[in-house]
Amino acid sequence: MIARRLSTSPKISPSLLGRAQSIAAEHEKLSCEIQEAYDSRSARKIGELSAVAKALKEWETANEVLYQLLSTQARKSDIFQSVTELQQILRDPSTDAELRSLASEEIEQTSTTLTTLSTALKTTLIPPDPFSRLPCLIEIRPGAGGTEAGIFVGDLLRMYQSYCKRHSLSFTIVKVDSSSADKSSKSSNPEIQEAILEISSPGAYELLKCEAGVHRVQRVPATETLGRTHTSAASVLVLPSFPDDSGGGELAFDDPNSDYYISPSDVRTDVMRARGAGGQHVNTTDSAIRLTHIPTSTVVSIQDARSQHKNRQKAWQVLRAKLAQQRREAREEEKEQMRVSVVGVARMGRGDKVRTYNWGQQRVTDHRSGVTLNRLDDVLEGGMGLDEIMESVRGWQRERDVEALIADEAAAEARAAKERKKGK
């Protein structure tokens, strides 16, 4: 039984272990250098590398403990050889009963610890998301399903608002564009064509980026007279939200090589009168702003504020977020194609169906992590059910990131081997 359990312990690939050891060596080198002469850049780098160095040390300690339990003689061996030896000891009928009992008890506990530490080490090797500390924008648009899809956009918007309130996250509705029919009515569930929610709390992007993708709803619409269940969808886009001024820091809005740089000559600005319900300023003042990024045909329109200046400011914020995300996704797509060509690893994109909300069964299923909850109302109210689903997706994403790390190493090794072959 123990042998079977250990045989399924998560293994660390040699490439990942080599990367961790290289990072730990760099951490140790910088730590020695900074004791002689303090340098702020080195100190920051040490902080970035410390998590990997600590995780590797704990993993190596647990690995050594397990090895010592398997042998009374001093000899070197790695965890995978040790597990093989342990399996042989436990299966050998001639093994001393006392030794077998000791192995079964102590090694089970140690191997469980090692499993946890192996997972932790892999997680620390995942490169940090450059947007992780930023606020975010959530853009929700209706997909297939007509009027019902537009109503579902409103359900998702309220879900995220409730989630933010429960977690004390500051948020602002940047834009809610209702259909022309709903603007003249007082419907409690209006059909929404586009909604943008800004969560201004730092770190909101890291918290909510798992929500990006196509959300599907299955229910009987209020207008359905025969009681048939309809399937509709809404797309959720989670974007990093940048400050109005980079201040010359990491965001580098003025650096043409930065993801956040937008040449003013590439953007056409149209000023127009606001449309729809909203008071005296509507149809009487030129307060609405539409920005068009000509090279990518990306369009952003904002008219919610009475001030043209505020609408312009918000429009630039959304445009900068969209273009930065597009540029980053383009680079990731190139890397993804390389991974697939080498080892066949691919990720689920934001255009894929990620979650289904079924009213009749009171069920919510996330198609990435495979988690299903029969607490639809709690999820839509932004309750603990939504927390559970989001955490399961983060775990799923960490597993995919580790797979991508291994794939990157395999791709690099394949390229190096190809270059060596050419050089011969």
Protein backbone atom coordinates (compact mmCIF):
# COMPACT_ATOMS: atom_id res chain seq x y z
CA MET A 1 0.00 0.00 0.00
CA ILE A 2 2.82 2.37 0.92
CA ALA A 3 4.70 1.45 -2.22
CA ARG A 4 1.67 2.19 -4.36
CA ARG A 5 1.22 5.55 -2.67
CA LEU A 6 4.87 6.52 -3.15
CA SER A 7 4.85 5.47 -6.79
CA THR A 8 2.30 8.21 -7.44
CA SER A 9 4.28 10.93 -5.63
CA PRO A 10 4.83 14.01 -7.81
CA LYS A 11 8.25 13.88 -9.44
CA ILE A 12 10.36 16.94 -10.20
CA SER A 13 11.79 16.75 -13.69
CA PRO A 14 15.57 17.10 -13.98
CA SER A 15 15.12 20.32 -16.00
CA LEU A 16 12.99 21.95 -13.28
CA LEU A 17 15.31 20.75 -10.54
CA GLY A 18 18.27 22.14 -12.47
CA ARG A 19 16.51 25.49 -12.82
CA ALA A 20 15.77 25.59 -9.08
CA GLN A 21 19.38 24.77 -8.21
CA SER A 22 20.62 27.49 -10.56
CA ILE A 23 18.31 30.06 -8.96
CA ALA A 24 19.37 28.98 -5.46
CA ALA A 25 23.04 29.33 -6.43
CA GLU A 26 22.41 32.84 -7.73
CA HIS A 27 20.54 33.69 -4.50
CA GLU A 28 23.48 32.49 -2.41
CA LYS A 29 25.99 34.42 -4.52
CA LEU A 30 24.03 37.69 -4.28
CA SER A 31 23.52 37.20 -0.53
CA CYS A 32 27.31 36.95 -0.05
CA GLU A 33 27.97 39.98 -2.24
CA ILE A 34 25.44 42.19 -0.49
CA GLN A 35 27.08 41.56 2.87
CA GLU A 36 30.21 43.26 1.56
CA ALA A 37 28.52 46.14 -0.28
CA TYR A 38 24.79 46.91 -0.16
CA ASP A 39 23.06 47.38 -3.50
CA SER A 40 19.32 48.06 -3.77
CA ARG A 41 19.00 46.25 -7.09
CA SER A 42 20.70 43.14 -5.69
CA ALA A 43 18.53 43.32 -2.57
CA ARG A 44 15.39 43.36 -4.73
CA LYS A 45 16.69 40.43 -6.77
CA ILE A 46 17.43 38.46 -3.60
CA GLY A 47 13.83 38.99 -2.50
CA GLU A 48 12.57 37.67 -5.84
CA LEU A 49 14.75 34.55 -5.65
CA SER A 50 14.27 33.78 -1.95
CA ALA A 51 11.04 31.78 -2.37
CA VAL A 52 12.69 29.30 -4.77
CA ALA A 53 15.83 29.02 -2.62
CA LYS A 54 13.78 28.31 0.52
CA ALA A 55 11.51 25.78 -1.21
CA LEU A 56 14.49 23.94 -2.69
CA LYS A 57 16.24 23.75 0.69
CA GLU A 58 13.13 22.30 2.36
CA TRP A 59 12.68 19.79 -0.47
CA GLU A 60 16.31 18.68 -0.29
CA THR A 61 16.06 18.30 3.50
CA ALA A 62 12.97 16.08 3.22
CA ASN A 63 14.62 14.13 0.41
CA GLU A 64 17.67 13.49 2.59
CA VAL A 65 15.52 12.41 5.54
CA LEU A 66 13.71 9.89 3.36
CA TYR A 67 17.00 8.58 2.04
CA GLN A 68 18.45 8.17 5.53
CA LEU A 69 15.44 6.12 6.53
CA LEU A 70 16.22 3.73 3.69
CA SER A 71 19.89 3.18 4.31
CA THR A 72 22.24 3.09 7.29
CA GLN A 73 25.28 3.55 5.08
CA ALA A 74 26.40 6.94 3.76
CA ARG A 75 25.88 6.92 0.03
CA LYS A 76 24.36 9.30 -2.45
CA SER A 77 21.04 8.65 -4.14
CA ASP A 78 18.14 10.72 -5.40
CA ILE A 79 14.50 10.46 -4.43
CA PHE A 80 13.42 8.38 -7.39
CA GLN A 81 16.07 5.70 -6.79
CA SER A 82 15.16 5.72 -3.08
CA VAL A 83 11.49 5.11 -3.81
CA THR A 84 12.42 2.17 -6.02
CA GLU A 85 14.57 0.72 -3.24
CA LEU A 86 11.76 1.22 -0.73
CA GLN A 87 9.33 -0.65 -2.93
CA GLN A 88 11.77 -3.55 -3.12
CA ILE A 89 12.21 -3.59 0.68
CA LEU A 90 8.47 -3.64 1.33
CA ARG A 91 7.81 -6.35 -1.27
CA ASP A 92 10.70 -8.61 -0.24
CA PRO A 93 9.27 -11.38 2.03
CA SER A 94 12.66 -11.87 3.62
CA THR A 95 12.77 -8.30 4.94
CA ASP A 96 12.92 -8.10 8.71
CA ALA A 97 9.44 -7.45 10.15
CA GLU A 98 10.73 -4.69 12.43
CA LEU A 99 12.42 -2.93 9.50
CA ARG A 100 9.27 -3.31 7.42
CA SER A 101 7.16 -1.77 10.21
CA LEU A 102 9.60 1.11 10.67
CA ALA A 103 9.66 1.79 6.95
CA SER A 104 5.89 1.66 6.65
CA GLU A 105 5.36 4.17 9.44
CA GLU A 106 8.17 6.69 9.14
CA ILE A 107 8.58 6.74 5.39
CA GLU A 108 4.87 7.25 4.78
CA GLN A 109 4.97 10.41 6.88
CA THR A 110 8.16 11.67 5.25
CA SER A 111 6.98 10.94 1.72
CA THR A 112 3.74 12.82 2.38
CA THR A 113 5.78 15.84 3.46
CA LEU A 114 7.97 15.46 0.39
CA THR A 115 4.90 15.41 -1.85
CA THR A 116 3.76 18.75 -0.41
CA LEU A 117 7.24 20.26 -0.72
CA SER A 118 7.58 19.03 -4.32
CA THR A 119 4.38 20.83 -5.26
CA ALA A 120 5.52 23.98 -3.44
CA LEU A 121 8.89 23.95 -5.23
CA LYS A 122 7.23 23.63 -8.64
CA THR A 123 4.90 26.53 -7.80
CA THR A 124 7.77 28.86 -6.84
CA LEU A 125 9.41 28.22 -10.22
CA ILE A 126 6.40 29.65 -12.10
CA PRO A 127 7.39 33.13 -13.39
CA PRO A 128 5.35 35.87 -11.68
CA ASP A 129 2.68 37.56 -13.75
CA PRO A 130 3.93 41.08 -14.57
CA PHE A 131 0.39 42.40 -14.01
CA SER A 132 -0.25 40.54 -10.73
CA ARG A 133 -0.05 43.60 -8.46
CA LEU A 134 -2.24 45.81 -10.61
CA PRO A 135 -5.95 46.66 -10.33
CA CYS A 136 -8.11 45.29 -13.12
CA LEU A 137 -10.95 45.95 -15.52
CA ILE A 138 -13.64 43.34 -16.14
CA GLU A 139 -15.38 43.71 -19.50
CA ILE A 140 -18.54 41.63 -20.04
CA ARG A 141 -20.27 41.30 -23.42
CA PRO A 142 -23.17 39.11 -24.61
CA GLY A 143 -22.42 36.22 -26.94
CA ALA A 144 -24.80 33.79 -28.62
CA GLY A 145 -28.36 33.86 -27.30
CA GLY A 146 -29.84 37.24 -28.19
CA THR A 147 -31.80 39.02 -25.46
CA GLU A 148 -31.15 36.29 -22.90
CA ALA A 149 -27.38 36.70 -23.36
CA GLY A 150 -27.70 40.43 -22.65
CA ILE A 151 -29.67 39.71 -19.46
CA PHE A 152 -26.99 37.21 -18.38
CA VAL A 153 -24.38 39.98 -18.71
CA GLY A 154 -26.27 41.81 -15.97
CA ASP A 155 -26.28 38.68 -13.78
CA LEU A 156 -22.49 38.36 -14.10
CA LEU A 157 -21.97 42.07 -13.43
CA ARG A 158 -23.97 41.83 -10.19
CA MET A 159 -22.08 38.65 -9.25
CA TYR A 160 -18.72 40.42 -9.50
CA GLN A 161 -20.03 43.49 -7.67
CA SER A 162 -21.22 41.28 -4.79
CA TYR A 163 -17.90 39.43 -4.77
CA CYS A 164 -16.01 42.72 -4.49
CA LYS A 165 -18.24 43.94 -1.66
CA ARG A 166 -17.72 40.72 0.31
CA HIS A 167 -13.95 40.95 -0.10
CA SER A 168 -13.83 44.72 0.56
CA LEU A 169 -12.46 45.45 -2.93
CA SER A 170 -13.01 48.98 -4.22
CA PHE A 171 -14.85 49.02 -7.53
CA THR A 172 -16.46 51.45 -9.96
CA ILE A 173 -18.78 50.87 -12.89
CA VAL A 174 -16.94 52.41 -15.83
CA LYS A 175 -19.58 51.64 -18.45
CA VAL A 176 -22.98 49.97 -18.78
CA ASP A 177 -24.44 50.06 -22.26
CA SER A 178 -28.06 48.83 -22.31
CA SER A 179 -30.00 48.02 -25.44
CA SER A 180 -32.13 50.79 -26.94
CA ALA A 181 -35.33 48.98 -25.90
CA ASP A 182 -34.28 48.80 -22.23
CA LYS A 183 -33.22 52.44 -22.05
CA SER A 184 -36.84 53.52 -22.35
CA SER A 185 -38.14 50.92 -19.90
CA LYS A 186 -37.67 50.23 -16.20
CA SER A 187 -36.94 46.52 -16.47
CA SER A 188 -35.36 44.96 -13.37
CA ASN A 189 -33.25 42.72 -15.62
CA PRO A 190 -32.22 44.91 -18.56
CA GLU A 191 -30.47 43.58 -21.63
CA ILE A 192 -26.88 44.86 -21.49
CA GLN A 193 -24.69 45.15 -24.58
CA GLU A 194 -21.48 45.92 -22.71
CA ALA A 195 -20.42 46.40 -19.10
CA ILE A 196 -17.00 47.43 -17.74
CA LEU A 197 -16.23 47.16 -14.04
CA GLU A 198 -13.02 48.63 -12.60
CA ILE A 199 -11.64 47.02 -9.42
CA SER A 200 -9.10 49.55 -8.16
CA SER A 201 -7.67 47.51 -5.26
CA PRO A 202 -4.03 46.47 -5.84
CA GLY A 203 -3.68 42.81 -6.77
CA ALA A 204 -7.21 42.56 -8.16
CA TYR A 205 -5.89 41.34 -11.52
CA GLU A 206 -4.15 38.33 -9.95
CA LEU A 207 -7.32 37.56 -7.98
CA LEU A 208 -9.79 37.76 -10.87
CA LYS A 209 -7.88 36.86 -14.03
CA CYS A 210 -9.19 33.29 -13.67
CA GLU A 211 -12.65 34.57 -14.67
CA ALA A 212 -11.66 35.34 -18.27
CA GLY A 213 -13.43 33.26 -20.91
CA VAL A 214 -16.90 32.34 -22.18
CA HIS A 215 -19.53 31.80 -19.46
CA ARG A 216 -22.56 29.76 -20.55
CA VAL A 217 -26.05 29.92 -19.05
CA GLN A 218 -28.80 27.30 -19.39
CA ARG A 219 -32.28 28.35 -18.22
CA VAL A 220 -35.85 29.01 -19.29
CA PRO A 221 -36.13 32.68 -20.35
CA ALA A 222 -38.98 34.78 -19.01
CA THR A 223 -40.26 35.19 -22.57
CA GLU A 224 -40.35 31.41 -23.22
CA THR A 225 -44.00 30.25 -23.27
CA LEU A 226 -43.36 26.52 -23.79
CA GLY A 227 -40.95 26.09 -20.87
CA ARG A 228 -37.97 25.15 -23.04
CA THR A 229 -34.45 25.60 -21.72
CA HIS A 230 -32.29 27.95 -23.78
CA THR A 231 -28.50 28.12 -23.86
CA SER A 232 -26.85 31.54 -24.03
CA ALA A 233 -23.37 32.86 -23.38
CA ALA A 234 -21.42 35.94 -22.33
CA SER A 235 -17.72 36.65 -22.71
CA VAL A 236 -15.67 37.94 -19.77
CA LEU A 237 -12.41 39.76 -20.42
CA VAL A 238 -10.13 40.58 -17.47
CA LEU A 239 -7.60 43.31 -18.19
CA PRO A 240 -4.87 44.88 -16.05
CA SER A 241 -5.75 48.46 -15.12
CA PHE A 242 -2.86 50.91 -15.41
CA PRO A 243 -2.46 54.23 -13.58
CA ASP A 244 -2.97 57.44 -15.55
CA ASP A 245 0.74 58.24 -15.30
CA SER A 246 3.51 55.64 -15.19
CA GLY A 247 5.83 58.08 -13.42
CA GLY A 248 8.77 56.63 -15.34
CA GLY A 249 8.61 53.37 -13.43
CA GLU A 250 8.14 49.78 -14.57
CA LEU A 251 5.13 50.57 -16.74
CA ALA A 252 7.14 52.92 -19.00
CA PHE A 253 4.26 54.46 -20.96
CA ASP A 254 6.77 56.61 -22.91
CA ASP A 255 9.09 53.74 -23.90
CA PRO A 256 8.34 52.59 -27.50
CA ASN A 257 9.64 49.10 -26.58
CA SER A 258 7.18 48.75 -23.72
CA ASP A 259 3.90 46.81 -23.93
CA TYR A 260 2.21 49.85 -22.42
CA TYR A 261 3.37 52.37 -25.01
CA ILE A 262 0.84 53.74 -27.48
CA SER A 263 1.89 56.22 -30.13
CA PRO A 264 -0.59 59.12 -30.14
CA SER A 265 -0.35 59.23 -33.95
CA ASP A 266 -1.82 55.70 -34.07
CA VAL A 267 -4.99 56.74 -32.23
CA ARG A 268 -7.92 58.59 -33.77
CA THR A 269 -10.07 60.50 -31.28
CA ASP A 270 -13.73 61.24 -32.02
CA VAL A 271 -15.73 63.57 -29.77
CA MET A 272 -19.50 63.24 -29.93
CA ARG A 273 -22.65 63.84 -27.96
CA ALA A 274 -23.69 61.26 -25.42
CA ARG A 275 -26.69 59.12 -26.33
CA GLY A 276 -29.48 57.52 -24.33
CA ALA A 277 -30.94 58.29 -20.93
CA GLY A 278 -28.92 60.44 -18.55
CA GLY A 279 -30.25 63.90 -18.00
CA GLN A 280 -29.72 67.32 -19.56
CA HIS A 281 -26.13 66.70 -20.68
CA VAL A 282 -27.26 63.92 -23.05
CA ASN A 283 -27.63 65.07 -26.67
CA THR A 284 -26.64 68.63 -25.66
CA THR A 285 -22.90 68.44 -24.84
CA ASP A 286 -19.96 66.83 -26.65
CA SER A 287 -18.84 64.69 -23.72
CA ALA A 288 -18.61 61.21 -25.27
CA ILE A 289 -15.19 59.96 -26.43
CA ARG A 290 -14.34 57.25 -28.94
CA LEU A 291 -10.72 56.15 -29.39
CA THR A 292 -9.68 54.02 -32.36
CA HIS A 293 -6.27 52.38 -32.44
CA ILE A 294 -5.73 52.34 -36.19
CA PRO A 295 -3.09 49.55 -36.50
CA THR A 296 -5.25 47.01 -34.62
CA SER A 297 -8.73 48.49 -35.25
CA THR A 298 -9.35 48.41 -31.48
CA VAL A 299 -12.20 50.76 -30.53
CA VAL A 300 -13.10 52.07 -27.09
CA SER A 301 -16.12 54.32 -26.45
CA ILE A 302 -16.88 55.96 -23.10
CA GLN A 303 -19.75 58.33 -22.36
CA ASP A 304 -20.78 57.55 -18.78
CA ALA A 305 -19.24 60.63 -17.15
CA ARG A 306 -20.59 64.15 -17.73
CA SER A 307 -17.07 65.45 -18.20
CA GLN A 308 -15.34 64.99 -21.55
CA HIS A 309 -11.99 65.00 -19.71
CA LYS A 310 -13.02 62.09 -17.45
CA ASN A 311 -14.42 60.11 -20.38
CA ARG A 312 -11.18 60.66 -22.29
CA GLN A 313 -9.15 59.54 -19.28
CA LYS A 314 -11.18 56.34 -18.86
CA ALA A 315 -11.08 55.61 -22.59
CA TRP A 316 -7.29 55.79 -22.64
CA GLN A 317 -7.13 53.57 -19.56
CA VAL A 318 -9.25 50.88 -21.23
CA LEU A 319 -7.41 51.18 -24.57
CA ARG A 320 -4.00 50.87 -22.91
CA ALA A 321 -5.18 47.79 -20.98
CA LYS A 322 -6.58 46.11 -24.11
CA LEU A 323 -3.47 46.69 -26.22
CA ALA A 324 -1.09 45.57 -23.46
CA GLN A 325 -3.10 42.37 -23.07
CA GLN A 326 -3.14 41.80 -26.85
CA ARG A 327 0.63 42.22 -27.13
CA ARG A 328 1.25 39.88 -24.23
CA GLU A 329 -1.14 37.26 -25.63
CA ALA A 330 0.59 37.47 -29.03
CA ARG A 331 3.91 36.61 -27.40
CA GLU A 332 2.32 33.78 -25.40
CA GLU A 333 0.73 32.43 -28.58
CA GLU A 334 4.15 32.26 -30.25
CA LYS A 335 5.53 30.35 -27.24
CA GLU A 336 2.46 28.11 -27.24
CA GLN A 337 2.96 27.13 -30.87
CA MET A 338 6.55 26.25 -30.07
CA ARG A 339 5.48 24.11 -27.11
CA VAL A 340 2.86 22.28 -29.15
CA SER A 341 5.32 21.58 -31.97
CA VAL A 342 7.83 20.12 -29.51
CA VAL A 343 5.83 18.37 -26.78
CA GLY A 344 2.14 18.87 -27.55
CA VAL A 345 1.24 21.10 -24.58
CA ALA A 346 -1.53 23.64 -25.17
CA ARG A 347 -3.61 25.89 -22.92
CA MET A 348 -7.25 26.79 -22.91
CA GLY A 349 -7.71 30.26 -24.38
CA ARG A 350 -10.03 32.99 -23.25
CA GLY A 351 -12.35 32.21 -26.16
CA ASP A 352 -13.07 28.72 -24.83
CA LYS A 353 -16.15 27.85 -22.76
CA VAL A 354 -14.91 28.00 -19.17
CA ARG A 355 -18.04 27.70 -17.01
CA THR A 356 -21.71 26.68 -17.20
CA TYR A 357 -24.53 27.99 -14.97
CA ASN A 358 -27.54 25.65 -15.09
CA TRP A 359 -30.71 27.10 -13.48
CA GLY A 360 -32.79 23.92 -13.66
CA GLN A 361 -30.22 21.84 -11.77
CA GLN A 362 -29.00 24.75 -9.61
CA ARG A 363 -25.55 23.75 -10.82
CA VAL A 364 -22.32 25.57 -11.66
CA THR A 365 -19.56 23.64 -13.45
CA ASP A 366 -16.12 24.98 -14.27
CA HIS A 367 -14.79 23.16 -17.32
CA ARG A 368 -11.13 23.89 -16.57
CA SER A 369 -10.80 22.51 -13.05
CA GLY A 370 -13.76 20.11 -13.40
CA VAL A 371 -15.35 21.37 -10.16
CA THR A 372 -19.17 21.25 -9.90
CA LEU A 373 -21.23 22.93 -7.16
CA ASN A 374 -25.00 22.66 -6.70
CA ARG A 375 -25.17 26.11 -5.10
CA LEU A 376 -26.03 28.33 -8.03
CA ASP A 377 -27.62 31.11 -5.94
CA ASP A 378 -24.59 31.34 -3.65
CA VAL A 379 -22.23 31.59 -6.63
CA LEU A 380 -24.31 34.29 -8.35
CA GLU A 381 -24.39 36.25 -5.08
CA GLY A 382 -20.59 36.28 -5.06
CA GLY A 383 -20.52 33.98 -2.04
CA MET A 384 -18.14 31.29 -0.83
CA GLY A 385 -19.18 29.03 -3.70
CA LEU A 386 -17.59 31.47 -6.15
CA ASP A 387 -14.46 31.51 -3.95
CA GLU A 388 -14.26 27.70 -4.14
CA ILE A 389 -14.60 27.66 -7.91
CA MET A 390 -12.06 30.43 -8.43
CA GLU A 391 -9.51 28.73 -6.15
CA SER A 392 -9.96 25.45 -8.04
CA VAL A 393 -9.23 27.29 -11.30
CA ARG A 394 -6.09 28.86 -9.81
CA GLY A 395 -4.90 25.38 -8.84
CA TRP A 396 -5.65 24.13 -12.35
CA GLN A 397 -3.73 27.08 -13.80
CA ARG A 398 -0.72 26.41 -11.59
CA GLU A 399 -0.61 22.83 -12.91
CA ARG A 400 -0.76 24.12 -16.49
CA ASP A 401 2.00 26.64 -15.74
CA VAL A 402 4.24 23.87 -14.41
CA GLU A 403 3.54 21.84 -17.57
CA ALA A 404 4.44 24.92 -19.61
CA LEU A 405 7.71 25.29 -17.68
CA ILE A 406 8.64 21.69 -18.47
CA ALA A 407 7.61 22.22 -22.09
CA ASP A 408 9.77 25.35 -22.33
CA GLU A 409 12.75 23.41 -21.00
CA ALA A 410 12.08 20.60 -23.48
CA ALA A 411 11.80 23.12 -26.33
CA ALA A 412 15.07 24.77 -25.30
CA GLU A 413 16.82 21.39 -25.12
CA ALA A 414 15.42 20.45 -28.55
CA ARG A 415 16.67 23.71 -30.07
CA ALA A 416 20.09 23.25 -28.47
CA ALA A 417 20.30 19.69 -29.79
CA LYS A 418 19.33 20.90 -33.27
CA GLU A 419 22.01 23.58 -33.18
CA ARG A 420 24.63 21.06 -32.04
CA LYS A 421 23.61 18.77 -34.85
CA LYS A 422 23.98 21.59 -37.39
CA GLY A 423 27.40 22.45 -36.01
CA LYS A 424 28.75 18.95 -36.65
